[in-house]
Amino acid sequence: MTQKQSDPIQQNSGYQIDKRPSLMSRKQAAEYLGVKEQTLACWVTTKRYALPYVKVGRLVKYRREDVDLFIQENRFSLDGDNE
C-alpha cells in the first residue's frame, strides 16, 4: 500500500501554508536547480556564483528564498539583457 504524497503548499482558512523546508540540503538545492551536488560545492569553493549558504556545523545548507532569488537574478532575456 503506497502512501499518498501530500502537497507541500496547503490551503488553510484562505491562506496558503508552505510546508517545504526553508533550509535545503546541498542535495535538495542541487535537485531544485537541476545541477549536481558537486557543482554547488565547486561554486562555494571558487566563488563563481554568489549563491549564499548557511553553515550548520559541517553541513552546508541553502535558504529556499536565496535559491529563488539566485534564479531570478540569473534570468536572461533573448536579447541578452539580465531581467
N, C-alpha and C. Protein backbone atom coordinates (compact mmCIF):
# COMPACT_ATOMS: atom_id res chain seq x y z
N MET A 1 0.84 -1.17 0.00
CA MET A 1 0.00 0.00 0.00
C MET A 1 0.89 1.24 0.00
N THR A 2 0.69 2.10 -0.96
CA THR A 2 1.51 3.30 -1.06
C THR A 2 0.83 4.45 -0.33
N GLN A 3 1.66 5.29 0.25
CA GLN A 3 1.15 6.45 0.97
C GLN A 3 1.05 7.62 0.00
N LYS A 4 -0.05 8.33 0.05
CA LYS A 4 -0.25 9.48 -0.82
C LYS A 4 0.68 10.61 -0.38
N GLN A 5 1.43 11.15 -1.34
CA GLN A 5 2.33 12.26 -1.05
C GLN A 5 1.51 13.54 -0.94
N SER A 6 1.73 14.25 0.17
CA SER A 6 0.93 15.46 0.38
C SER A 6 1.52 16.63 -0.39
N ASP A 7 0.65 17.56 -0.71
CA ASP A 7 1.05 18.78 -1.40
C ASP A 7 1.82 19.66 -0.42
N PRO A 8 3.03 20.16 -0.81
CA PRO A 8 3.81 20.96 0.13
C PRO A 8 3.16 22.29 0.47
N ILE A 9 2.23 22.75 -0.35
CA ILE A 9 1.53 24.00 -0.06
C ILE A 9 0.05 23.67 0.13
N GLN A 10 -0.46 23.93 1.31
CA GLN A 10 -1.84 23.60 1.62
C GLN A 10 -2.63 24.86 1.90
N GLN A 11 -3.92 24.78 1.64
CA GLN A 11 -4.83 25.88 1.95
C GLN A 11 -5.34 25.72 3.38
N ASN A 12 -5.39 26.81 4.12
CA ASN A 12 -5.94 26.79 5.47
C ASN A 12 -6.65 28.12 5.70
N SER A 13 -7.95 28.07 5.78
CA SER A 13 -8.77 29.26 6.02
C SER A 13 -8.46 30.38 5.03
N GLY A 14 -8.23 30.01 3.77
CA GLY A 14 -7.97 31.01 2.75
C GLY A 14 -6.52 31.41 2.62
N TYR A 15 -5.66 30.96 3.53
CA TYR A 15 -4.24 31.28 3.49
C TYR A 15 -3.46 30.06 3.04
N GLN A 16 -2.40 30.29 2.29
CA GLN A 16 -1.54 29.18 1.88
C GLN A 16 -0.47 28.96 2.94
N ILE A 17 -0.28 27.70 3.31
CA ILE A 17 0.76 27.33 4.26
C ILE A 17 1.80 26.53 3.49
N ASP A 18 3.01 27.04 3.43
CA ASP A 18 4.08 26.38 2.70
C ASP A 18 4.81 25.45 3.65
N LYS A 19 4.72 24.14 3.39
CA LYS A 19 5.33 23.16 4.28
C LYS A 19 6.71 22.70 3.80
N ARG A 20 7.20 23.32 2.71
CA ARG A 20 8.54 22.96 2.25
C ARG A 20 9.55 23.53 3.24
N PRO A 21 10.66 22.82 3.44
CA PRO A 21 11.64 23.34 4.39
C PRO A 21 12.28 24.62 3.89
N SER A 22 12.52 25.57 4.82
CA SER A 22 13.15 26.82 4.40
C SER A 22 14.65 26.63 4.21
N LEU A 23 15.25 25.64 4.87
CA LEU A 23 16.64 25.30 4.65
C LEU A 23 16.71 23.99 3.87
N MET A 24 17.47 24.02 2.78
CA MET A 24 17.62 22.83 1.94
C MET A 24 19.04 22.31 2.06
N SER A 25 19.17 21.01 2.01
CA SER A 25 20.49 20.40 1.97
C SER A 25 21.12 20.70 0.60
N ARG A 26 22.41 20.42 0.49
CA ARG A 26 23.06 20.62 -0.81
C ARG A 26 22.39 19.76 -1.87
N LYS A 27 22.01 18.55 -1.50
CA LYS A 27 21.34 17.64 -2.44
C LYS A 27 20.01 18.23 -2.89
N GLN A 28 19.21 18.73 -1.95
CA GLN A 28 17.91 19.30 -2.30
C GLN A 28 18.07 20.54 -3.17
N ALA A 29 19.02 21.40 -2.82
CA ALA A 29 19.25 22.61 -3.60
C ALA A 29 19.72 22.26 -5.01
N ALA A 30 20.59 21.27 -5.12
CA ALA A 30 21.08 20.85 -6.44
C ALA A 30 19.93 20.32 -7.29
N GLU A 31 19.08 19.50 -6.70
CA GLU A 31 17.92 18.98 -7.44
C GLU A 31 17.00 20.11 -7.86
N TYR A 32 16.79 21.08 -6.99
CA TYR A 32 15.93 22.23 -7.26
C TYR A 32 16.47 23.04 -8.44
N LEU A 33 17.80 23.19 -8.50
CA LEU A 33 18.43 23.96 -9.57
C LEU A 33 18.72 23.12 -10.82
N GLY A 34 18.65 21.80 -10.69
CA GLY A 34 18.93 20.94 -11.83
C GLY A 34 20.42 20.79 -12.11
N VAL A 35 21.24 20.85 -11.06
CA VAL A 35 22.68 20.65 -11.20
C VAL A 35 23.11 19.55 -10.23
N LYS A 36 24.37 19.16 -10.33
CA LYS A 36 24.90 18.15 -9.43
C LYS A 36 25.34 18.79 -8.12
N GLU A 37 25.35 17.98 -7.06
CA GLU A 37 25.81 18.46 -5.76
C GLU A 37 27.24 19.00 -5.86
N GLN A 38 28.07 18.33 -6.64
CA GLN A 38 29.46 18.74 -6.79
C GLN A 38 29.56 20.12 -7.43
N THR A 39 28.61 20.46 -8.27
CA THR A 39 28.60 21.79 -8.90
C THR A 39 28.41 22.87 -7.84
N LEU A 40 27.47 22.66 -6.92
CA LEU A 40 27.26 23.63 -5.85
C LEU A 40 28.49 23.73 -4.96
N ALA A 41 29.12 22.61 -4.68
CA ALA A 41 30.34 22.62 -3.86
C ALA A 41 31.43 23.41 -4.57
N CYS A 42 31.54 23.26 -5.87
CA CYS A 42 32.53 23.99 -6.66
C CYS A 42 32.23 25.49 -6.63
N TRP A 43 30.96 25.87 -6.74
CA TRP A 43 30.59 27.28 -6.71
C TRP A 43 30.98 27.91 -5.37
N VAL A 44 30.81 27.16 -4.28
CA VAL A 44 31.18 27.67 -2.95
C VAL A 44 32.70 27.86 -2.89
N THR A 45 33.45 26.87 -3.34
CA THR A 45 34.90 26.91 -3.25
C THR A 45 35.51 28.00 -4.13
N THR A 46 35.03 28.10 -5.37
CA THR A 46 35.62 29.05 -6.32
C THR A 46 34.95 30.42 -6.29
N LYS A 47 33.84 30.53 -5.57
CA LYS A 47 33.05 31.77 -5.53
C LYS A 47 32.64 32.22 -6.93
N ARG A 48 32.37 31.24 -7.76
CA ARG A 48 31.97 31.52 -9.15
C ARG A 48 30.64 32.25 -9.22
N TYR A 49 29.69 31.82 -8.41
CA TYR A 49 28.38 32.46 -8.35
C TYR A 49 28.11 32.86 -6.91
N ALA A 50 27.41 33.95 -6.75
CA ALA A 50 27.09 34.47 -5.41
C ALA A 50 25.80 33.84 -4.90
N LEU A 51 25.85 32.55 -4.62
CA LEU A 51 24.71 31.85 -4.05
C LEU A 51 24.99 31.68 -2.55
N PRO A 52 24.31 32.46 -1.71
CA PRO A 52 24.58 32.38 -0.27
C PRO A 52 24.25 31.00 0.29
N TYR A 53 24.97 30.64 1.32
CA TYR A 53 24.73 29.38 2.01
C TYR A 53 24.86 29.60 3.50
N VAL A 54 24.38 28.63 4.26
CA VAL A 54 24.40 28.68 5.71
C VAL A 54 25.18 27.46 6.19
N LYS A 55 26.10 27.67 7.11
CA LYS A 55 26.83 26.55 7.70
C LYS A 55 26.12 26.13 8.98
N VAL A 56 25.79 24.85 9.06
CA VAL A 56 25.21 24.26 10.25
C VAL A 56 26.18 23.16 10.68
N GLY A 57 27.08 23.52 11.57
CA GLY A 57 28.16 22.59 11.90
C GLY A 57 29.04 22.43 10.67
N ARG A 58 29.20 21.20 10.22
CA ARG A 58 29.98 20.94 9.00
C ARG A 58 29.10 20.93 7.74
N LEU A 59 27.81 21.02 7.93
CA LEU A 59 26.89 20.93 6.80
C LEU A 59 26.68 22.28 6.14
N VAL A 60 26.50 22.25 4.83
CA VAL A 60 26.16 23.45 4.07
C VAL A 60 24.67 23.36 3.74
N LYS A 61 23.95 24.42 4.07
CA LYS A 61 22.51 24.49 3.79
C LYS A 61 22.24 25.73 2.95
N TYR A 62 21.15 25.68 2.21
CA TYR A 62 20.74 26.80 1.35
C TYR A 62 19.33 27.21 1.73
N ARG A 63 19.13 28.50 1.94
CA ARG A 63 17.77 29.00 2.19
C ARG A 63 17.02 29.01 0.88
N ARG A 64 15.81 28.51 0.89
CA ARG A 64 15.00 28.45 -0.33
C ARG A 64 14.82 29.83 -0.93
N GLU A 65 14.67 30.85 -0.08
CA GLU A 65 14.49 32.22 -0.57
C GLU A 65 15.73 32.68 -1.34
N ASP A 66 16.92 32.31 -0.85
CA ASP A 66 18.16 32.68 -1.54
C ASP A 66 18.29 31.99 -2.89
N VAL A 67 17.88 30.72 -2.94
CA VAL A 67 17.96 29.97 -4.20
C VAL A 67 16.98 30.56 -5.21
N ASP A 68 15.78 30.90 -4.75
CA ASP A 68 14.80 31.52 -5.65
C ASP A 68 15.29 32.87 -6.17
N LEU A 69 15.91 33.66 -5.30
CA LEU A 69 16.47 34.94 -5.71
C LEU A 69 17.62 34.75 -6.69
N PHE A 70 18.45 33.74 -6.45
CA PHE A 70 19.55 33.42 -7.36
C PHE A 70 19.01 33.11 -8.76
N ILE A 71 17.94 32.33 -8.83
CA ILE A 71 17.32 32.00 -10.11
C ILE A 71 16.82 33.27 -10.79
N GLN A 72 16.14 34.11 -10.04
CA GLN A 72 15.58 35.35 -10.60
C GLN A 72 16.69 36.27 -11.10
N GLU A 73 17.76 36.40 -10.34
CA GLU A 73 18.85 37.31 -10.72
C GLU A 73 19.67 36.80 -11.90
N ASN A 74 19.60 35.50 -12.16
CA ASN A 74 20.36 34.92 -13.26
C ASN A 74 19.49 34.58 -14.46
N ARG A 75 18.37 35.24 -14.56
CA ARG A 75 17.45 35.06 -15.69
C ARG A 75 17.79 36.09 -16.75
N PHE A 76 17.96 35.63 -17.96
CA PHE A 76 18.31 36.50 -19.08
C PHE A 76 17.24 36.41 -20.16
N SER A 77 17.00 37.53 -20.82
CA SER A 77 16.05 37.55 -21.92
C SER A 77 16.77 37.12 -23.20
N LEU A 78 16.03 36.96 -24.26
CA LEU A 78 16.61 36.51 -25.52
C LEU A 78 17.58 37.52 -26.11
N ASP A 79 17.43 38.81 -25.77
CA ASP A 79 18.36 39.82 -26.30
C ASP A 79 19.62 39.93 -25.45
N GLY A 80 19.77 39.06 -24.44
CA GLY A 80 20.98 39.01 -23.65
C GLY A 80 20.98 39.90 -22.43
N ASP A 81 19.91 40.65 -22.22
CA ASP A 81 19.84 41.51 -21.05
C ASP A 81 19.41 40.72 -19.82
N ASN A 82 20.00 41.06 -18.69
CA ASN A 82 19.60 40.47 -17.44
C ASN A 82 18.29 41.12 -17.03
N GLU A 83 17.28 40.32 -16.78
CA GLU A 83 15.96 40.86 -16.44
C GLU A 83 15.86 41.23 -15.00
